[in-house]
């Protein structure tokens, strides 16, 4: 699958006020198409726990920009950012679950991730995505997704892992 066909919503988090040196440099590098430089700036920040850098690394792995396309690696970074409350990472992780990219397709998990993302970023596209997948879900799946959404209020990744196992 080519990266341009992956329907992940890519709103770079460069508008966030960040105290981490290098983030803005990575954002500028990404904007001018220097993905190697963006990766060089963002990877250390992501490894230090910067949720915005983690989310952006996830996006780079989904798109295959500056790195080989690797959905598993994208999921790793999105999960780390989602644990910290990054709405965009939660939404993008939801897209991967909704479409089965790098994980088995699971609309219950996708619904919950979209709901959680929308709760912290109401103007995001997460509600549209949630509504789109709801059309193909059974009432039992919707009920399970609503329960999972509630369970995710503490640690969303832990709740997802518990639901899936």
N, C-alpha and C. Protein backbone atom coordinates (compact mmCIF):
# COMPACT_ATOMS: atom_id res chain seq x y z
N UNK A 1 0.85 -1.18 0.00
CA UNK A 1 0.00 0.00 0.00
C UNK A 1 0.89 1.24 0.00
N UNK A 2 0.56 2.18 -0.82
CA UNK A 2 1.32 3.43 -0.89
C UNK A 2 0.84 4.37 0.20
N UNK A 3 1.76 5.14 0.73
CA UNK A 3 1.45 6.04 1.85
C UNK A 3 0.36 7.03 1.49
N UNK A 4 0.29 7.43 0.24
CA UNK A 4 -0.72 8.44 -0.11
C UNK A 4 -2.14 7.90 -0.02
N UNK A 5 -2.28 6.58 0.07
CA UNK A 5 -3.59 5.98 0.18
C UNK A 5 -4.04 5.78 1.62
N UNK A 6 -3.20 6.08 2.56
CA UNK A 6 -3.53 5.89 3.97
C UNK A 6 -4.29 7.11 4.46
N UNK A 7 -5.54 6.93 4.88
CA UNK A 7 -6.36 8.08 5.27
C UNK A 7 -6.11 8.54 6.70
N UNK A 8 -4.90 8.90 6.99
CA UNK A 8 -4.58 9.43 8.32
C UNK A 8 -4.60 10.94 8.24
N UNK A 9 -5.22 11.55 9.21
CA UNK A 9 -5.36 12.99 9.20
C UNK A 9 -4.10 13.60 9.78
N UNK A 10 -3.43 14.34 8.95
CA UNK A 10 -2.09 14.81 9.26
C UNK A 10 -2.09 16.30 9.54
N UNK A 11 -2.31 16.61 10.75
CA UNK A 11 -2.20 17.99 11.19
C UNK A 11 -0.99 18.01 12.09
N UNK A 12 0.11 18.51 11.59
CA UNK A 12 1.33 18.51 12.39
C UNK A 12 1.13 19.34 13.63
N UNK A 13 1.78 18.91 14.67
CA UNK A 13 1.60 19.55 15.96
C UNK A 13 2.56 20.71 16.19
N UNK A 14 3.05 21.30 15.14
CA UNK A 14 3.99 22.40 15.26
C UNK A 14 3.40 23.64 15.86
N UNK A 15 2.09 23.75 15.88
CA UNK A 15 1.46 24.93 16.46
C UNK A 15 1.44 24.86 17.98
N UNK A 16 1.76 23.69 18.54
CA UNK A 16 1.79 23.58 19.99
C UNK A 16 2.96 24.36 20.56
N UNK A 17 2.72 24.98 21.67
CA UNK A 17 3.82 25.65 22.36
C UNK A 17 4.62 24.58 23.07
N UNK A 18 5.85 24.42 22.67
CA UNK A 18 6.67 23.36 23.25
C UNK A 18 7.94 23.94 23.83
N UNK A 19 8.38 23.36 24.91
CA UNK A 19 9.60 23.82 25.54
C UNK A 19 10.81 23.03 25.06
N UNK A 20 10.60 22.09 24.17
CA UNK A 20 11.69 21.26 23.69
C UNK A 20 12.39 21.90 22.51
N UNK A 21 13.68 22.16 22.70
CA UNK A 21 14.48 22.70 21.59
C UNK A 21 14.50 21.66 20.48
N UNK A 22 14.42 22.10 19.27
CA UNK A 22 14.49 21.20 18.13
C UNK A 22 13.15 20.90 17.51
N UNK A 23 12.06 21.07 18.26
CA UNK A 23 10.76 20.73 17.70
C UNK A 23 10.44 21.62 16.51
N UNK A 24 10.60 22.92 16.70
CA UNK A 24 10.30 23.86 15.61
C UNK A 24 11.21 23.64 14.41
N UNK A 25 12.47 23.29 14.69
CA UNK A 25 13.39 23.00 13.59
C UNK A 25 12.91 21.78 12.81
N UNK A 26 12.43 20.78 13.53
CA UNK A 26 11.88 19.59 12.88
C UNK A 26 10.65 19.91 12.05
N UNK A 27 9.81 20.79 12.59
CA UNK A 27 8.60 21.19 11.87
C UNK A 27 8.97 21.92 10.58
N UNK A 28 9.91 22.85 10.68
CA UNK A 28 10.35 23.58 9.49
C UNK A 28 10.96 22.64 8.46
N UNK A 29 11.78 21.71 8.93
CA UNK A 29 12.40 20.74 8.02
C UNK A 29 11.34 19.90 7.33
N UNK A 30 10.34 19.46 8.08
CA UNK A 30 9.27 18.65 7.49
C UNK A 30 8.52 19.45 6.43
N UNK A 31 8.21 20.70 6.75
CA UNK A 31 7.48 21.55 5.80
C UNK A 31 8.24 21.75 4.50
N UNK A 32 9.55 21.82 4.56
CA UNK A 32 10.32 22.02 3.32
C UNK A 32 10.69 20.69 2.66
N UNK A 33 10.22 19.58 3.22
CA UNK A 33 10.45 18.28 2.61
C UNK A 33 11.75 17.61 3.01
N UNK A 34 12.43 18.16 4.00
CA UNK A 34 13.68 17.55 4.48
C UNK A 34 13.33 16.61 5.63
N UNK A 35 12.84 15.43 5.26
CA UNK A 35 12.33 14.49 6.25
C UNK A 35 13.44 13.89 7.11
N UNK A 36 14.63 13.77 6.56
CA UNK A 36 15.76 13.27 7.34
C UNK A 36 16.08 14.23 8.48
N UNK A 37 16.07 15.52 8.19
CA UNK A 37 16.33 16.53 9.24
C UNK A 37 15.20 16.55 10.26
N UNK A 38 13.96 16.42 9.80
CA UNK A 38 12.83 16.39 10.72
C UNK A 38 12.96 15.20 11.67
N UNK A 39 13.31 14.07 11.12
CA UNK A 39 13.50 12.87 11.93
C UNK A 39 14.64 13.06 12.94
N UNK A 40 15.70 13.67 12.50
CA UNK A 40 16.87 13.92 13.36
C UNK A 40 16.48 14.82 14.55
N UNK A 41 15.59 15.77 14.32
CA UNK A 41 15.15 16.67 15.40
C UNK A 41 14.11 16.01 16.30
N UNK A 42 13.16 15.30 15.70
CA UNK A 42 12.03 14.78 16.47
C UNK A 42 12.32 13.49 17.22
N UNK A 43 13.16 12.61 16.66
CA UNK A 43 13.37 11.32 17.33
C UNK A 43 13.89 11.48 18.77
N UNK A 44 14.93 12.30 19.01
CA UNK A 44 15.39 12.44 20.40
C UNK A 44 14.30 13.00 21.31
N UNK A 45 13.52 13.93 20.80
CA UNK A 45 12.43 14.49 21.60
C UNK A 45 11.39 13.43 21.92
N UNK A 46 11.05 12.63 20.90
CA UNK A 46 10.08 11.54 21.10
C UNK A 46 10.59 10.56 22.14
N UNK A 47 11.87 10.23 22.06
CA UNK A 47 12.46 9.30 23.02
C UNK A 47 12.49 9.87 24.43
N UNK A 48 12.49 11.21 24.54
CA UNK A 48 12.45 11.88 25.84
C UNK A 48 11.02 12.04 26.35
N UNK A 49 10.03 11.63 25.55
CA UNK A 49 8.64 11.67 26.00
C UNK A 49 7.80 12.81 25.47
N UNK A 50 8.29 13.57 24.49
CA UNK A 50 7.52 14.66 23.91
C UNK A 50 6.39 14.08 23.05
N UNK A 51 5.15 14.26 23.51
CA UNK A 51 4.00 13.66 22.83
C UNK A 51 3.83 14.18 21.40
N UNK A 52 4.09 15.47 21.18
CA UNK A 52 3.96 16.02 19.83
C UNK A 52 4.97 15.38 18.89
N UNK A 53 6.20 15.22 19.35
CA UNK A 53 7.23 14.58 18.53
C UNK A 53 6.89 13.11 18.30
N UNK A 54 6.35 12.44 19.32
CA UNK A 54 5.94 11.04 19.17
C UNK A 54 4.85 10.91 18.12
N UNK A 55 3.88 11.80 18.18
CA UNK A 55 2.79 11.77 17.21
C UNK A 55 3.30 12.03 15.80
N UNK A 56 4.22 12.97 15.68
CA UNK A 56 4.77 13.27 14.35
C UNK A 56 5.62 12.12 13.82
N UNK A 57 6.36 11.44 14.69
CA UNK A 57 7.10 10.25 14.24
C UNK A 57 6.13 9.19 13.75
N UNK A 58 5.04 9.00 14.48
CA UNK A 58 4.02 8.05 14.03
C UNK A 58 3.53 8.39 12.63
N UNK A 59 3.27 9.67 12.40
CA UNK A 59 2.81 10.11 11.09
C UNK A 59 3.85 9.85 10.02
N UNK A 60 5.12 10.09 10.34
CA UNK A 60 6.19 9.86 9.36
C UNK A 60 6.27 8.38 8.99
N UNK A 61 6.09 7.50 9.97
CA UNK A 61 6.11 6.06 9.68
C UNK A 61 4.89 5.63 8.88
N UNK A 62 3.74 6.24 9.12
CA UNK A 62 2.56 5.92 8.32
C UNK A 62 2.78 6.32 6.87
N UNK A 63 3.31 7.50 6.67
CA UNK A 63 3.50 8.03 5.32
C UNK A 63 4.76 7.50 4.64
N UNK A 64 5.70 6.99 5.42
CA UNK A 64 6.97 6.57 4.84
C UNK A 64 7.82 7.76 4.42
N UNK A 65 7.77 8.82 5.18
CA UNK A 65 8.54 10.03 4.87
C UNK A 65 9.77 10.09 5.77
N UNK A 66 10.94 9.92 5.17
CA UNK A 66 12.19 9.93 5.92
C UNK A 66 12.52 8.59 6.56
N UNK A 67 11.57 7.68 6.51
CA UNK A 67 11.71 6.33 7.07
C UNK A 67 10.92 5.38 6.17
N UNK A 68 11.23 4.09 6.21
CA UNK A 68 10.37 3.16 5.47
C UNK A 68 8.97 3.15 6.09
N UNK A 69 7.95 3.01 5.26
CA UNK A 69 6.60 2.93 5.80
C UNK A 69 6.52 1.71 6.71
N UNK A 70 6.04 1.92 7.93
CA UNK A 70 6.01 0.85 8.92
C UNK A 70 4.88 1.14 9.90
N UNK A 71 3.74 0.50 9.68
CA UNK A 71 2.58 0.75 10.53
C UNK A 71 2.81 0.32 11.98
N UNK A 72 3.56 -0.75 12.18
CA UNK A 72 3.84 -1.21 13.56
C UNK A 72 4.63 -0.15 14.33
N UNK A 73 5.61 0.44 13.67
CA UNK A 73 6.41 1.49 14.31
C UNK A 73 5.54 2.74 14.54
N UNK A 74 4.67 3.05 13.59
CA UNK A 74 3.75 4.18 13.76
C UNK A 74 2.87 3.96 14.98
N UNK A 75 2.35 2.74 15.10
CA UNK A 75 1.48 2.42 16.23
C UNK A 75 2.23 2.60 17.55
N UNK A 76 3.47 2.18 17.59
CA UNK A 76 4.29 2.34 18.81
C UNK A 76 4.32 3.80 19.23
N UNK A 77 4.62 4.69 18.29
CA UNK A 77 4.74 6.11 18.62
C UNK A 77 3.38 6.73 18.92
N UNK A 78 2.34 6.37 18.17
CA UNK A 78 1.01 6.89 18.45
C UNK A 78 0.54 6.46 19.84
N UNK A 79 0.81 5.21 20.22
CA UNK A 79 0.40 4.73 21.55
C UNK A 79 1.08 5.55 22.65
N UNK A 80 2.36 5.81 22.50
CA UNK A 80 3.07 6.60 23.51
C UNK A 80 2.48 8.00 23.63
N UNK A 81 2.18 8.62 22.50
CA UNK A 81 1.60 9.97 22.53
C UNK A 81 0.16 9.94 23.05
N UNK A 82 -0.60 8.93 22.66
CA UNK A 82 -1.99 8.80 23.10
C UNK A 82 -2.08 8.62 24.61
N UNK A 83 -1.13 7.90 25.18
CA UNK A 83 -1.09 7.72 26.63
C UNK A 83 -0.97 9.05 27.36
N UNK A 84 -0.32 10.01 26.71
CA UNK A 84 -0.12 11.32 27.31
C UNK A 84 -1.25 12.29 27.01
N UNK A 85 -2.25 11.83 26.28
CA UNK A 85 -3.41 12.67 26.01
C UNK A 85 -3.41 13.38 24.68
N UNK A 86 -2.48 13.06 23.79
CA UNK A 86 -2.42 13.73 22.49
C UNK A 86 -3.61 13.32 21.63
N UNK A 87 -4.53 14.26 21.42
CA UNK A 87 -5.76 13.97 20.68
C UNK A 87 -5.47 13.50 19.25
N UNK A 88 -4.51 14.13 18.60
CA UNK A 88 -4.20 13.76 17.22
C UNK A 88 -3.67 12.33 17.15
N UNK A 89 -2.84 11.94 18.09
CA UNK A 89 -2.33 10.57 18.13
C UNK A 89 -3.47 9.59 18.36
N UNK A 90 -4.39 9.94 19.23
CA UNK A 90 -5.55 9.07 19.48
C UNK A 90 -6.39 8.93 18.22
N UNK A 91 -6.61 10.03 17.54
CA UNK A 91 -7.40 10.00 16.32
C UNK A 91 -6.70 9.19 15.23
N UNK A 92 -5.41 9.42 15.05
CA UNK A 92 -4.67 8.70 14.01
C UNK A 92 -4.56 7.21 14.34
N UNK A 93 -4.42 6.88 15.61
CA UNK A 93 -4.44 5.48 16.02
C UNK A 93 -5.81 4.87 15.72
N UNK A 94 -6.86 5.65 15.93
CA UNK A 94 -8.21 5.20 15.58
C UNK A 94 -8.34 4.90 14.10
N UNK A 95 -7.73 5.72 13.26
CA UNK A 95 -7.76 5.48 11.81
C UNK A 95 -7.10 4.14 11.48
N UNK A 96 -5.98 3.86 12.13
CA UNK A 96 -5.29 2.59 11.87
C UNK A 96 -6.15 1.41 12.29
N UNK A 97 -6.81 1.50 13.44
CA UNK A 97 -7.71 0.42 13.86
C UNK A 97 -8.94 0.33 12.97
N UNK A 98 -9.48 1.45 12.55
CA UNK A 98 -10.67 1.44 11.70
C UNK A 98 -10.41 0.76 10.36
N UNK A 99 -9.19 0.90 9.87
CA UNK A 99 -8.86 0.38 8.54
C UNK A 99 -8.00 -0.88 8.57
N UNK A 100 -7.56 -1.29 9.74
CA UNK A 100 -6.74 -2.49 9.84
C UNK A 100 -5.33 -2.30 9.32
N UNK A 101 -4.76 -1.13 9.50
CA UNK A 101 -3.38 -0.87 9.08
C UNK A 101 -2.43 -1.15 10.24
N UNK A 102 -1.69 -2.24 10.16
CA UNK A 102 -0.73 -2.59 11.19
C UNK A 102 -1.32 -3.29 12.40
N UNK A 103 -2.63 -3.34 12.47
CA UNK A 103 -3.36 -4.03 13.54
C UNK A 103 -4.58 -4.69 12.92
N UNK A 104 -5.13 -5.70 13.57
CA UNK A 104 -6.40 -6.23 13.05
C UNK A 104 -7.47 -5.14 13.11
N UNK A 105 -8.27 -5.06 12.08
CA UNK A 105 -9.34 -4.05 12.05
C UNK A 105 -10.24 -4.25 13.26
N UNK A 106 -10.55 -3.16 13.96
CA UNK A 106 -11.39 -3.25 15.14
C UNK A 106 -12.13 -1.93 15.30
N UNK A 107 -13.41 -1.95 14.92
CA UNK A 107 -14.20 -0.72 14.98
C UNK A 107 -14.54 -0.31 16.41
N UNK A 108 -14.60 -1.27 17.32
CA UNK A 108 -14.88 -0.93 18.72
C UNK A 108 -13.75 -0.06 19.27
N UNK A 109 -12.52 -0.49 19.06
CA UNK A 109 -11.37 0.27 19.52
C UNK A 109 -11.29 1.61 18.79
N UNK A 110 -11.50 1.59 17.48
CA UNK A 110 -11.45 2.84 16.70
C UNK A 110 -12.49 3.83 17.21
N UNK A 111 -13.72 3.37 17.43
CA UNK A 111 -14.79 4.22 17.95
C UNK A 111 -14.36 4.87 19.26
N UNK A 112 -13.82 4.06 20.17
CA UNK A 112 -13.41 4.59 21.48
C UNK A 112 -12.30 5.62 21.34
N UNK A 113 -11.33 5.33 20.48
CA UNK A 113 -10.23 6.29 20.27
C UNK A 113 -10.74 7.59 19.66
N UNK A 114 -11.63 7.50 18.67
CA UNK A 114 -12.19 8.70 18.07
C UNK A 114 -12.98 9.50 19.11
N UNK A 115 -13.75 8.80 19.95
CA UNK A 115 -14.53 9.49 20.98
C UNK A 115 -13.63 10.22 21.96
N UNK A 116 -12.58 9.55 22.38
CA UNK A 116 -11.63 10.16 23.32
C UNK A 116 -10.92 11.35 22.69
N UNK A 117 -10.53 11.22 21.43
CA UNK A 117 -9.87 12.33 20.73
C UNK A 117 -10.81 13.52 20.62
N UNK A 118 -12.06 13.25 20.28
CA UNK A 118 -13.03 14.33 20.11
C UNK A 118 -13.33 15.03 21.43
N UNK A 119 -13.25 14.30 22.53
CA UNK A 119 -13.51 14.91 23.84
C UNK A 119 -12.47 15.97 24.19
N UNK A 120 -11.23 15.76 23.75
CA UNK A 120 -10.19 16.74 24.07
C UNK A 120 -9.91 17.70 22.92
N UNK A 121 -10.44 17.42 21.75
CA UNK A 121 -10.28 18.31 20.60
C UNK A 121 -11.60 18.32 19.82
N UNK A 122 -12.61 19.02 20.36
CA UNK A 122 -13.96 18.95 19.78
C UNK A 122 -14.07 19.37 18.32
N UNK A 123 -13.15 20.19 17.85
CA UNK A 123 -13.24 20.64 16.46
C UNK A 123 -12.46 19.72 15.52
N UNK A 124 -12.00 18.59 16.03
CA UNK A 124 -11.24 17.66 15.19
C UNK A 124 -12.18 16.86 14.30
N UNK A 125 -11.61 16.11 13.41
CA UNK A 125 -12.38 15.27 12.50
C UNK A 125 -12.76 13.94 13.15
N UNK A 126 -12.36 13.75 14.40
CA UNK A 126 -12.58 12.49 15.09
C UNK A 126 -14.06 12.10 15.16
N UNK A 127 -14.94 13.06 15.42
CA UNK A 127 -16.37 12.73 15.48
C UNK A 127 -16.89 12.27 14.13
N UNK A 128 -16.45 12.90 13.07
CA UNK A 128 -16.85 12.46 11.72
C UNK A 128 -16.41 11.03 11.47
N UNK A 129 -15.18 10.73 11.85
CA UNK A 129 -14.66 9.38 11.65
C UNK A 129 -15.43 8.38 12.51
N UNK A 130 -15.73 8.76 13.74
CA UNK A 130 -16.50 7.87 14.60
C UNK A 130 -17.87 7.60 14.00
N UNK A 131 -18.52 8.65 13.51
CA UNK A 131 -19.84 8.48 12.91
C UNK A 131 -19.77 7.62 11.65
N UNK A 132 -18.69 7.76 10.90
CA UNK A 132 -18.54 6.98 9.67
C UNK A 132 -18.47 5.48 9.99
N UNK A 133 -17.69 5.11 10.99
CA UNK A 133 -17.57 3.68 11.28
C UNK A 133 -18.79 3.14 12.03
N UNK A 134 -19.50 4.02 12.75
CA UNK A 134 -20.69 3.59 13.48
C UNK A 134 -21.71 2.97 12.53
N UNK A 135 -21.77 3.47 11.32
CA UNK A 135 -22.74 2.97 10.34
C UNK A 135 -22.54 1.48 10.04
N UNK A 136 -21.34 0.97 10.24
CA UNK A 136 -21.08 -0.44 9.94
C UNK A 136 -21.00 -1.30 11.21
N UNK A 137 -21.34 -0.72 12.35
CA UNK A 137 -21.25 -1.45 13.62
C UNK A 137 -22.62 -1.95 14.07
N UNK A 138 -22.63 -3.09 14.76
CA UNK A 138 -23.86 -3.61 15.34
C UNK A 138 -24.17 -2.85 16.63
N UNK A 139 -25.41 -2.91 17.10
CA UNK A 139 -25.72 -2.27 18.39
C UNK A 139 -24.84 -2.80 19.53
N UNK A 140 -24.51 -4.08 19.51
CA UNK A 140 -23.65 -4.66 20.54
C UNK A 140 -22.23 -4.08 20.46
N UNK A 141 -21.74 -3.89 19.26
CA UNK A 141 -20.41 -3.29 19.10
C UNK A 141 -20.40 -1.84 19.58
N UNK A 142 -21.45 -1.12 19.27
CA UNK A 142 -21.54 0.28 19.72
C UNK A 142 -21.58 0.34 21.24
N UNK A 143 -22.35 -0.55 21.85
CA UNK A 143 -22.40 -0.60 23.32
C UNK A 143 -21.02 -0.93 23.90
N UNK A 144 -20.34 -1.89 23.31
CA UNK A 144 -18.99 -2.25 23.76
C UNK A 144 -18.03 -1.07 23.59
N UNK A 145 -18.18 -0.34 22.49
CA UNK A 145 -17.31 0.81 22.22
C UNK A 145 -17.56 1.92 23.23
N UNK A 146 -18.82 2.14 23.58
CA UNK A 146 -19.14 3.17 24.57
C UNK A 146 -18.58 2.80 25.95
N UNK A 147 -18.65 1.51 26.29
CA UNK A 147 -18.08 1.06 27.56
C UNK A 147 -16.56 1.21 27.53
N UNK A 148 -15.94 0.83 26.42
CA UNK A 148 -14.49 0.97 26.31
C UNK A 148 -14.08 2.44 26.42
N UNK A 149 -14.86 3.32 25.83
CA UNK A 149 -14.57 4.76 25.93
C UNK A 149 -14.55 5.19 27.39
N UNK A 150 -15.52 4.73 28.17
CA UNK A 150 -15.54 5.05 29.60
C UNK A 150 -14.34 4.46 30.32
N UNK A 151 -14.00 3.22 29.97
CA UNK A 151 -12.85 2.55 30.61
C UNK A 151 -11.54 3.25 30.29
N UNK A 152 -11.50 3.97 29.19
CA UNK A 152 -10.27 4.62 28.75
C UNK A 152 -10.00 5.94 29.47
N UNK A 153 -10.88 6.34 30.37
CA UNK A 153 -10.70 7.63 31.03
C UNK A 153 -9.42 7.69 31.87
N UNK A 154 -8.97 6.56 32.37
CA UNK A 154 -7.71 6.55 33.12
C UNK A 154 -6.53 6.44 32.18
N UNK A 155 -6.19 5.24 31.81
CA UNK A 155 -5.08 4.99 30.89
C UNK A 155 -5.66 4.34 29.64
N UNK A 156 -5.79 5.10 28.55
CA UNK A 156 -6.45 4.56 27.36
C UNK A 156 -5.76 3.35 26.76
N UNK A 157 -4.45 3.34 26.75
CA UNK A 157 -3.72 2.23 26.14
C UNK A 157 -3.89 0.97 26.97
N UNK A 158 -3.85 1.11 28.27
CA UNK A 158 -4.06 -0.04 29.15
C UNK A 158 -5.48 -0.60 28.95
N UNK A 159 -6.46 0.28 28.81
CA UNK A 159 -7.85 -0.16 28.59
C UNK A 159 -7.99 -0.88 27.25
N UNK A 160 -7.34 -0.37 26.21
CA UNK A 160 -7.38 -1.02 24.90
C UNK A 160 -6.75 -2.40 24.99
N UNK A 161 -5.59 -2.48 25.61
CA UNK A 161 -4.90 -3.77 25.75
C UNK A 161 -5.76 -4.76 26.52
N UNK A 162 -6.41 -4.31 27.58
CA UNK A 162 -7.28 -5.19 28.37
C UNK A 162 -8.47 -5.66 27.52
N UNK A 163 -9.04 -4.77 26.74
CA UNK A 163 -10.17 -5.13 25.88
C UNK A 163 -9.77 -6.15 24.82
N UNK A 164 -8.60 -5.96 24.24
CA UNK A 164 -8.17 -6.84 23.15
C UNK A 164 -7.65 -8.19 23.64
N UNK A 165 -7.33 -8.30 24.91
CA UNK A 165 -6.77 -9.57 25.41
C UNK A 165 -7.65 -10.17 26.43
